[in-house]
Amino acid sequence: MPTMYRIGCLRDDVIFLIFLYQRYIYPTDYKRVNEFGTTGEMHTGTAESDVANGGTTTSVEEVAGPDETTKDKDTQDKKND
């Protein structure tokens, strides 16, 4: 086995260990909003309510209600122009 290949594999192993260490010391922030405008708390909250409601599901659109009102206002403003 060539020496450069061994060095490359060692480098990959070290980077992977750094990744595991950082994942361990920096936990996931479920309060942070993702690109879709939802948080991890919303998803875990609906899962808990599913069990409490007997299996009924709540969609993300139902949880994020205020966004729909702004969309309605925008369409009304366009109609008025």
N, C-alpha and C. Protein backbone atom coordinates (compact mmCIF):
# COMPACT_ATOMS: atom_id res chain seq x y z
N MET A 1 0.84 -1.17 0.00
CA MET A 1 0.00 0.00 0.00
C MET A 1 0.90 1.24 0.00
N PRO A 2 0.67 2.16 -0.93
CA PRO A 2 1.52 3.35 -1.02
C PRO A 2 1.38 4.25 0.22
N THR A 3 2.45 4.95 0.51
CA THR A 3 2.49 5.82 1.69
C THR A 3 1.50 6.97 1.57
N MET A 4 1.35 7.56 0.40
CA MET A 4 0.43 8.69 0.22
C MET A 4 -1.02 8.27 0.45
N TYR A 5 -1.36 7.04 0.07
CA TYR A 5 -2.71 6.54 0.30
C TYR A 5 -2.96 6.39 1.79
N ARG A 6 -1.99 5.90 2.52
CA ARG A 6 -2.11 5.75 3.98
C ARG A 6 -2.28 7.10 4.65
N ILE A 7 -1.52 8.08 4.19
CA ILE A 7 -1.63 9.44 4.76
C ILE A 7 -3.01 10.02 4.46
N GLY A 8 -3.52 9.78 3.27
CA GLY A 8 -4.85 10.26 2.91
C GLY A 8 -5.94 9.63 3.76
N CYS A 9 -5.82 8.33 4.01
CA CYS A 9 -6.79 7.64 4.86
C CYS A 9 -6.71 8.13 6.30
N LEU A 10 -5.50 8.36 6.79
CA LEU A 10 -5.33 8.89 8.14
C LEU A 10 -5.97 10.27 8.25
N ARG A 11 -5.76 11.10 7.22
CA ARG A 11 -6.36 12.44 7.21
C ARG A 11 -7.89 12.35 7.26
N ASP A 12 -8.47 11.45 6.47
CA ASP A 12 -9.92 11.27 6.48
C ASP A 12 -10.42 10.81 7.84
N ASP A 13 -9.68 9.91 8.48
CA ASP A 13 -10.07 9.43 9.81
C ASP A 13 -10.02 10.55 10.83
N VAL A 14 -8.99 11.39 10.76
CA VAL A 14 -8.86 12.51 11.71
C VAL A 14 -10.02 13.49 11.51
N ILE A 15 -10.35 13.80 10.28
CA ILE A 15 -11.46 14.71 10.00
C ILE A 15 -12.78 14.13 10.50
N PHE A 16 -12.97 12.84 10.33
CA PHE A 16 -14.18 12.19 10.82
C PHE A 16 -14.26 12.25 12.34
N LEU A 17 -13.14 12.05 13.02
CA LEU A 17 -13.13 12.13 14.48
C LEU A 17 -13.44 13.56 14.96
N ILE A 18 -12.93 14.55 14.23
CA ILE A 18 -13.24 15.95 14.57
C ILE A 18 -14.74 16.20 14.38
N PHE A 19 -15.31 15.66 13.32
CA PHE A 19 -16.74 15.79 13.08
C PHE A 19 -17.54 15.18 14.22
N LEU A 20 -17.16 13.99 14.65
CA LEU A 20 -17.88 13.33 15.75
C LEU A 20 -17.76 14.12 17.05
N TYR A 21 -16.58 14.66 17.30
CA TYR A 21 -16.37 15.44 18.52
C TYR A 21 -17.22 16.71 18.50
N GLN A 22 -17.25 17.42 17.38
CA GLN A 22 -18.04 18.64 17.29
C GLN A 22 -19.53 18.34 17.40
N ARG A 23 -19.96 17.24 16.85
CA ARG A 23 -21.37 16.87 16.96
C ARG A 23 -21.73 16.54 18.40
N TYR A 24 -20.78 16.03 19.15
CA TYR A 24 -21.01 15.70 20.55
C TYR A 24 -21.08 16.97 21.41
N ILE A 25 -20.17 17.92 21.19
CA ILE A 25 -20.12 19.09 22.07
C ILE A 25 -21.11 20.18 21.67
N TYR A 26 -21.57 20.21 20.40
CA TYR A 26 -22.55 21.20 19.96
C TYR A 26 -23.87 20.49 19.66
N PRO A 27 -24.80 20.47 20.61
CA PRO A 27 -26.06 19.75 20.38
C PRO A 27 -26.93 20.47 19.35
N THR A 28 -27.92 19.77 18.84
CA THR A 28 -28.83 20.34 17.86
C THR A 28 -29.73 21.37 18.51
N ASP A 29 -29.85 22.53 17.87
CA ASP A 29 -30.71 23.60 18.38
C ASP A 29 -32.07 23.48 17.71
N TYR A 30 -33.06 22.96 18.45
CA TYR A 30 -34.39 22.76 17.89
C TYR A 30 -35.20 24.04 17.82
N LYS A 31 -34.69 25.14 18.42
CA LYS A 31 -35.39 26.42 18.35
C LYS A 31 -35.05 27.19 17.08
N ARG A 32 -34.01 26.78 16.39
CA ARG A 32 -33.55 27.50 15.20
C ARG A 32 -34.50 27.25 14.03
N VAL A 33 -34.81 28.31 13.31
CA VAL A 33 -35.73 28.23 12.17
C VAL A 33 -34.96 27.81 10.94
N ASN A 34 -35.51 26.84 10.20
CA ASN A 34 -34.84 26.38 8.98
C ASN A 34 -35.32 27.17 7.78
N GLU A 35 -34.93 26.77 6.57
CA GLU A 35 -35.25 27.51 5.36
C GLU A 35 -36.74 27.46 5.01
N PHE A 36 -37.49 26.55 5.62
CA PHE A 36 -38.92 26.43 5.35
C PHE A 36 -39.76 27.20 6.37
N GLY A 37 -39.10 27.84 7.34
CA GLY A 37 -39.81 28.63 8.34
C GLY A 37 -40.35 27.84 9.50
N THR A 38 -39.90 26.61 9.67
CA THR A 38 -40.36 25.79 10.78
C THR A 38 -39.19 25.51 11.71
N THR A 39 -39.52 25.10 12.93
CA THR A 39 -38.50 24.74 13.89
C THR A 39 -38.64 23.27 14.26
N GLY A 40 -37.63 22.76 14.91
CA GLY A 40 -37.70 21.39 15.38
C GLY A 40 -38.74 21.21 16.46
N GLU A 41 -39.00 22.28 17.21
CA GLU A 41 -40.02 22.21 18.25
C GLU A 41 -41.41 22.02 17.65
N MET A 42 -41.65 22.63 16.48
CA MET A 42 -42.94 22.45 15.82
C MET A 42 -43.15 21.00 15.43
N HIS A 43 -42.12 20.38 14.91
CA HIS A 43 -42.24 18.99 14.46
C HIS A 43 -42.39 18.04 15.64
N THR A 44 -41.65 18.26 16.71
CA THR A 44 -41.79 17.38 17.86
C THR A 44 -43.08 17.66 18.59
N GLY A 45 -43.55 18.90 18.58
CA GLY A 45 -44.82 19.24 19.21
C GLY A 45 -45.99 18.59 18.52
N THR A 46 -45.96 18.50 17.18
CA THR A 46 -47.05 17.87 16.46
C THR A 46 -47.03 16.37 16.67
N ALA A 47 -45.86 15.80 16.83
CA ALA A 47 -45.79 14.35 17.06
C ALA A 47 -46.39 14.01 18.42
N GLU A 48 -46.15 14.85 19.42
CA GLU A 48 -46.72 14.60 20.72
C GLU A 48 -48.22 14.81 20.70
N SER A 49 -48.70 15.81 19.95
CA SER A 49 -50.13 16.06 19.89
C SER A 49 -50.84 14.99 19.09
N ASP A 50 -50.13 14.34 18.15
CA ASP A 50 -50.74 13.25 17.39
C ASP A 50 -51.15 12.12 18.32
N VAL A 51 -50.32 11.82 19.27
CA VAL A 51 -50.62 10.75 20.20
C VAL A 51 -51.79 11.18 21.11
N ALA A 52 -51.78 12.44 21.53
CA ALA A 52 -52.81 12.94 22.42
C ALA A 52 -54.15 13.06 21.71
N ASN A 53 -54.15 13.37 20.41
CA ASN A 53 -55.39 13.56 19.66
C ASN A 53 -55.91 12.28 19.03
N GLY A 54 -55.29 11.19 19.32
CA GLY A 54 -55.76 9.93 18.77
C GLY A 54 -55.34 9.69 17.34
N GLY A 55 -54.24 10.28 16.93
CA GLY A 55 -53.70 9.99 15.61
C GLY A 55 -53.99 11.04 14.56
N THR A 56 -54.69 12.12 14.90
CA THR A 56 -54.92 13.17 13.91
C THR A 56 -53.64 13.96 13.71
N THR A 57 -53.40 14.34 12.48
CA THR A 57 -52.16 15.05 12.18
C THR A 57 -52.44 16.53 11.98
N THR A 58 -51.46 17.35 12.28
CA THR A 58 -51.53 18.78 12.07
C THR A 58 -50.47 19.14 11.06
N SER A 59 -50.87 19.78 9.98
CA SER A 59 -49.90 20.13 8.95
C SER A 59 -49.14 21.37 9.36
N VAL A 60 -48.03 21.61 8.69
CA VAL A 60 -47.20 22.77 8.98
C VAL A 60 -47.95 24.04 8.61
N GLU A 61 -48.78 24.01 7.57
CA GLU A 61 -49.54 25.18 7.17
C GLU A 61 -50.52 25.60 8.26
N GLU A 62 -51.10 24.62 8.97
CA GLU A 62 -52.03 24.95 10.05
C GLU A 62 -51.30 25.58 11.22
N VAL A 63 -50.08 25.15 11.46
CA VAL A 63 -49.30 25.71 12.56
C VAL A 63 -48.85 27.13 12.23
N ALA A 64 -48.47 27.38 10.99
CA ALA A 64 -47.93 28.67 10.57
C ALA A 64 -49.04 29.54 9.99
N GLY A 65 -50.06 29.78 10.74
CA GLY A 65 -51.22 30.53 10.29
C GLY A 65 -50.96 31.98 9.93
N PRO A 66 -50.16 32.77 10.67
CA PRO A 66 -50.00 34.19 10.36
C PRO A 66 -49.45 34.46 8.97
N ASP A 67 -48.70 33.55 8.41
CA ASP A 67 -48.16 33.76 7.06
C ASP A 67 -49.27 33.80 6.03
N GLU A 68 -50.32 33.03 6.26
CA GLU A 68 -51.41 33.00 5.30
C GLU A 68 -52.14 34.34 5.27
N THR A 69 -52.27 35.01 6.40
CA THR A 69 -52.97 36.29 6.42
C THR A 69 -52.18 37.35 5.66
N THR A 70 -50.86 37.31 5.72
CA THR A 70 -50.07 38.28 4.96
C THR A 70 -50.17 38.02 3.48
N LYS A 71 -50.27 36.76 3.08
CA LYS A 71 -50.44 36.44 1.66
C LYS A 71 -51.78 36.96 1.17
N ASP A 72 -52.84 36.82 1.98
CA ASP A 72 -54.15 37.31 1.59
C ASP A 72 -54.15 38.83 1.44
N LYS A 73 -53.46 39.53 2.32
CA LYS A 73 -53.38 40.98 2.22
C LYS A 73 -52.63 41.39 0.96
N ASP A 74 -51.58 40.67 0.60
CA ASP A 74 -50.82 40.99 -0.60
C ASP A 74 -51.68 40.82 -1.85
N THR A 75 -52.47 39.75 -1.88
CA THR A 75 -53.32 39.54 -3.06
C THR A 75 -54.43 40.59 -3.12
N GLN A 76 -54.95 41.03 -1.98
CA GLN A 76 -55.96 42.08 -1.97
C GLN A 76 -55.38 43.40 -2.44
N ASP A 77 -54.13 43.70 -2.04
CA ASP A 77 -53.49 44.93 -2.47
C ASP A 77 -53.27 44.93 -3.98
N LYS A 78 -52.93 43.78 -4.54
CA LYS A 78 -52.73 43.69 -5.98
C LYS A 78 -54.05 43.90 -6.73
N LYS A 79 -55.14 43.37 -6.17
CA LYS A 79 -56.45 43.53 -6.80
C LYS A 79 -56.88 44.99 -6.75
N ASN A 80 -56.55 45.69 -5.68
CA ASN A 80 -56.96 47.09 -5.54
C ASN A 80 -56.19 48.01 -6.47
N ASP A 81 -54.97 47.60 -6.85
CA ASP A 81 -54.15 48.44 -7.74
C ASP A 81 -54.66 48.35 -9.10
